[in-house]
Structures are given as C-alpha cells and as structure tokens.
Amino acid sequence: MIVINLEELVGMSERSAVRKIENSHYIARVISRDGVERVALNEEPSTERVNLTCNDGLVTKAWIG
C-alpha cells in the first residue's frame, strides 16, 4: 500500500481525490456531501479506508478510518 498524504486531498475535487485514493490502493468513502450526512455502516475503523467530507465538489476533510 502506498502512503497517502491526507492534507493533499483537502481542496481537491471529490472526483480527483477519490481517484488518488483508489490509485493508492485505499478505499474511498464520502461521509458527508454539502452538509448532508451519508449512511455509514457501524464498521470497525479501517487503516485501508479514507473518509471524506465534501462541500461544493471539493474535499474539506480527509481522515483514515
């Protein structure tokens, strides 16, 4: 697995960020889009998943989990 810099994702378009995450062999998951929470299963946190918050098509927060 390639180490991913989460800070680089902030400010990217959602599409570009998801592509970068998947190309780095992580799973991308948008948790919130434009203030609307999306359903996320109560799964155990995963070091292989990057969660995103997006507003107006841009990533505003990214974290492993």
N, C-alpha and C. Protein backbone atom coordinates (compact mmCIF):
# COMPACT_ATOMS: atom_id res chain seq x y z
N MET A 1 0.84 -1.17 0.00
CA MET A 1 0.00 0.00 0.00
C MET A 1 0.89 1.24 0.00
N ILE A 2 0.52 2.22 -0.77
CA ILE A 2 1.24 3.48 -0.87
C ILE A 2 0.78 4.40 0.26
N VAL A 3 1.72 5.10 0.89
CA VAL A 3 1.34 6.06 1.93
C VAL A 3 0.67 7.25 1.25
N ILE A 4 -0.47 7.66 1.79
CA ILE A 4 -1.22 8.76 1.20
C ILE A 4 -1.17 9.96 2.14
N ASN A 5 -0.95 11.14 1.57
CA ASN A 5 -0.90 12.38 2.33
C ASN A 5 -2.31 12.96 2.38
N LEU A 6 -2.95 12.87 3.53
CA LEU A 6 -4.33 13.32 3.67
C LEU A 6 -4.46 14.82 3.46
N GLU A 7 -3.45 15.58 3.87
CA GLU A 7 -3.51 17.03 3.70
C GLU A 7 -3.58 17.44 2.23
N GLU A 8 -2.97 16.64 1.35
CA GLU A 8 -3.01 16.93 -0.08
C GLU A 8 -4.42 16.78 -0.65
N LEU A 9 -5.24 15.95 -0.03
CA LEU A 9 -6.59 15.71 -0.53
C LEU A 9 -7.51 16.91 -0.29
N VAL A 10 -7.27 17.63 0.80
CA VAL A 10 -8.12 18.78 1.14
C VAL A 10 -7.94 19.86 0.07
N GLY A 11 -9.06 20.29 -0.49
CA GLY A 11 -9.05 21.29 -1.56
C GLY A 11 -9.15 20.69 -2.96
N MET A 12 -8.91 19.37 -3.06
CA MET A 12 -9.05 18.70 -4.36
C MET A 12 -10.52 18.50 -4.67
N SER A 13 -10.84 18.31 -5.95
CA SER A 13 -12.20 17.95 -6.30
C SER A 13 -12.47 16.55 -5.76
N GLU A 14 -13.73 16.27 -5.47
CA GLU A 14 -14.09 14.95 -4.95
C GLU A 14 -13.64 13.85 -5.91
N ARG A 15 -13.88 14.06 -7.18
CA ARG A 15 -13.53 13.05 -8.18
C ARG A 15 -12.03 12.78 -8.20
N SER A 16 -11.24 13.85 -8.19
CA SER A 16 -9.78 13.69 -8.21
C SER A 16 -9.27 13.03 -6.94
N ALA A 17 -9.85 13.40 -5.80
CA ALA A 17 -9.43 12.82 -4.53
C ALA A 17 -9.75 11.33 -4.50
N VAL A 18 -10.94 10.95 -4.93
CA VAL A 18 -11.32 9.53 -4.94
C VAL A 18 -10.38 8.76 -5.87
N ARG A 19 -10.07 9.32 -7.02
CA ARG A 19 -9.15 8.66 -7.95
C ARG A 19 -7.78 8.46 -7.30
N LYS A 20 -7.27 9.50 -6.65
CA LYS A 20 -5.95 9.42 -5.99
C LYS A 20 -5.97 8.37 -4.88
N ILE A 21 -7.04 8.36 -4.10
CA ILE A 21 -7.17 7.38 -3.01
C ILE A 21 -7.18 5.96 -3.57
N GLU A 22 -8.00 5.72 -4.57
CA GLU A 22 -8.10 4.38 -5.15
C GLU A 22 -6.81 3.97 -5.85
N ASN A 23 -6.14 4.90 -6.50
CA ASN A 23 -4.86 4.58 -7.15
C ASN A 23 -3.77 4.26 -6.13
N SER A 24 -3.98 4.70 -4.89
CA SER A 24 -3.03 4.41 -3.81
C SER A 24 -3.43 3.15 -3.05
N HIS A 25 -4.43 2.43 -3.57
CA HIS A 25 -4.89 1.15 -3.02
C HIS A 25 -5.60 1.29 -1.68
N TYR A 26 -6.29 2.40 -1.48
CA TYR A 26 -7.16 2.60 -0.33
C TYR A 26 -8.61 2.58 -0.83
N ILE A 27 -9.54 2.48 0.10
CA ILE A 27 -10.96 2.55 -0.20
C ILE A 27 -11.42 3.97 0.13
N ALA A 28 -12.09 4.64 -0.80
CA ALA A 28 -12.60 6.00 -0.57
C ALA A 28 -14.06 5.92 -0.14
N ARG A 29 -14.41 6.75 0.86
CA ARG A 29 -15.80 6.78 1.31
C ARG A 29 -16.16 8.23 1.66
N VAL A 30 -17.18 8.75 0.98
CA VAL A 30 -17.67 10.10 1.28
C VAL A 30 -18.68 9.97 2.41
N ILE A 31 -18.36 10.60 3.54
CA ILE A 31 -19.20 10.53 4.73
C ILE A 31 -20.24 11.64 4.71
N SER A 32 -19.86 12.81 4.19
CA SER A 32 -20.77 13.95 4.16
C SER A 32 -20.55 14.71 2.86
N ARG A 33 -21.65 15.10 2.22
CA ARG A 33 -21.57 15.88 0.98
C ARG A 33 -22.52 17.06 1.13
N ASP A 34 -21.97 18.26 1.02
CA ASP A 34 -22.75 19.50 1.12
C ASP A 34 -23.62 19.53 2.38
N GLY A 35 -23.05 19.10 3.50
CA GLY A 35 -23.74 19.16 4.78
C GLY A 35 -24.72 18.03 5.04
N VAL A 36 -24.88 17.14 4.08
CA VAL A 36 -25.80 16.00 4.24
C VAL A 36 -24.98 14.77 4.57
N GLU A 37 -25.22 14.25 5.78
CA GLU A 37 -24.52 13.03 6.20
C GLU A 37 -25.01 11.86 5.37
N ARG A 38 -24.06 11.04 4.92
CA ARG A 38 -24.42 9.84 4.18
C ARG A 38 -24.39 8.66 5.14
N VAL A 39 -25.15 7.66 4.85
CA VAL A 39 -25.21 6.48 5.71
C VAL A 39 -23.86 5.78 5.68
N ALA A 40 -23.31 5.60 6.86
CA ALA A 40 -22.06 4.85 7.01
C ALA A 40 -22.34 3.73 8.00
N LEU A 41 -22.04 2.54 7.61
CA LEU A 41 -22.26 1.40 8.48
C LEU A 41 -21.39 1.50 9.72
N ASN A 42 -21.85 0.95 10.80
CA ASN A 42 -21.05 0.92 12.03
C ASN A 42 -20.00 -0.17 11.90
N GLU A 43 -19.02 0.11 11.08
CA GLU A 43 -17.94 -0.83 10.85
C GLU A 43 -16.77 -0.46 11.75
N GLU A 44 -15.92 -1.41 11.96
CA GLU A 44 -14.68 -1.12 12.68
C GLU A 44 -13.86 -0.16 11.82
N PRO A 45 -13.16 0.78 12.45
CA PRO A 45 -12.27 1.65 11.67
C PRO A 45 -11.27 0.80 10.89
N SER A 46 -10.92 1.27 9.73
CA SER A 46 -10.00 0.53 8.86
C SER A 46 -8.85 1.42 8.42
N THR A 47 -7.64 0.91 8.52
CA THR A 47 -6.47 1.65 8.05
C THR A 47 -6.39 1.63 6.52
N GLU A 48 -7.31 0.94 5.88
CA GLU A 48 -7.33 0.86 4.42
C GLU A 48 -8.40 1.75 3.79
N ARG A 49 -9.09 2.55 4.63
CA ARG A 49 -10.19 3.37 4.13
C ARG A 49 -9.91 4.84 4.45
N VAL A 50 -10.18 5.70 3.46
CA VAL A 50 -10.07 7.14 3.65
C VAL A 50 -11.48 7.72 3.58
N ASN A 51 -11.89 8.38 4.65
CA ASN A 51 -13.20 9.02 4.73
C ASN A 51 -13.06 10.47 4.30
N LEU A 52 -14.09 10.97 3.61
CA LEU A 52 -14.05 12.34 3.10
C LEU A 52 -15.31 13.11 3.48
N THR A 53 -15.13 14.39 3.73
CA THR A 53 -16.23 15.34 3.80
C THR A 53 -16.03 16.27 2.62
N CYS A 54 -17.10 16.49 1.84
CA CYS A 54 -17.00 17.32 0.63
C CYS A 54 -18.08 18.40 0.66
N ASN A 55 -17.71 19.58 0.20
CA ASN A 55 -18.64 20.70 0.07
C ASN A 55 -18.39 21.38 -1.26
N ASP A 56 -19.47 21.64 -1.99
CA ASP A 56 -19.37 22.29 -3.30
C ASP A 56 -18.38 21.60 -4.22
N GLY A 57 -18.32 20.25 -4.13
CA GLY A 57 -17.48 19.46 -5.02
C GLY A 57 -16.02 19.35 -4.61
N LEU A 58 -15.66 19.97 -3.46
CA LEU A 58 -14.27 19.93 -3.00
C LEU A 58 -14.16 19.21 -1.66
N VAL A 59 -13.05 18.54 -1.47
CA VAL A 59 -12.79 17.85 -0.20
C VAL A 59 -12.44 18.91 0.85
N THR A 60 -13.15 18.86 1.99
CA THR A 60 -12.87 19.79 3.08
C THR A 60 -12.25 19.10 4.28
N LYS A 61 -12.33 17.75 4.33
CA LYS A 61 -11.74 16.99 5.43
C LYS A 61 -11.46 15.58 4.93
N ALA A 62 -10.34 15.02 5.36
CA ALA A 62 -9.98 13.63 4.99
C ALA A 62 -9.33 12.98 6.19
N TRP A 63 -9.73 11.73 6.47
CA TRP A 63 -9.13 11.01 7.58
C TRP A 63 -9.21 9.52 7.32
N ILE A 64 -8.27 8.80 7.95
CA ILE A 64 -8.22 7.35 7.85
C ILE A 64 -9.26 6.79 8.80
N GLY A 65 -9.95 5.77 8.39
CA GLY A 65 -10.93 5.14 9.28
C GLY A 65 -11.83 4.31 8.51
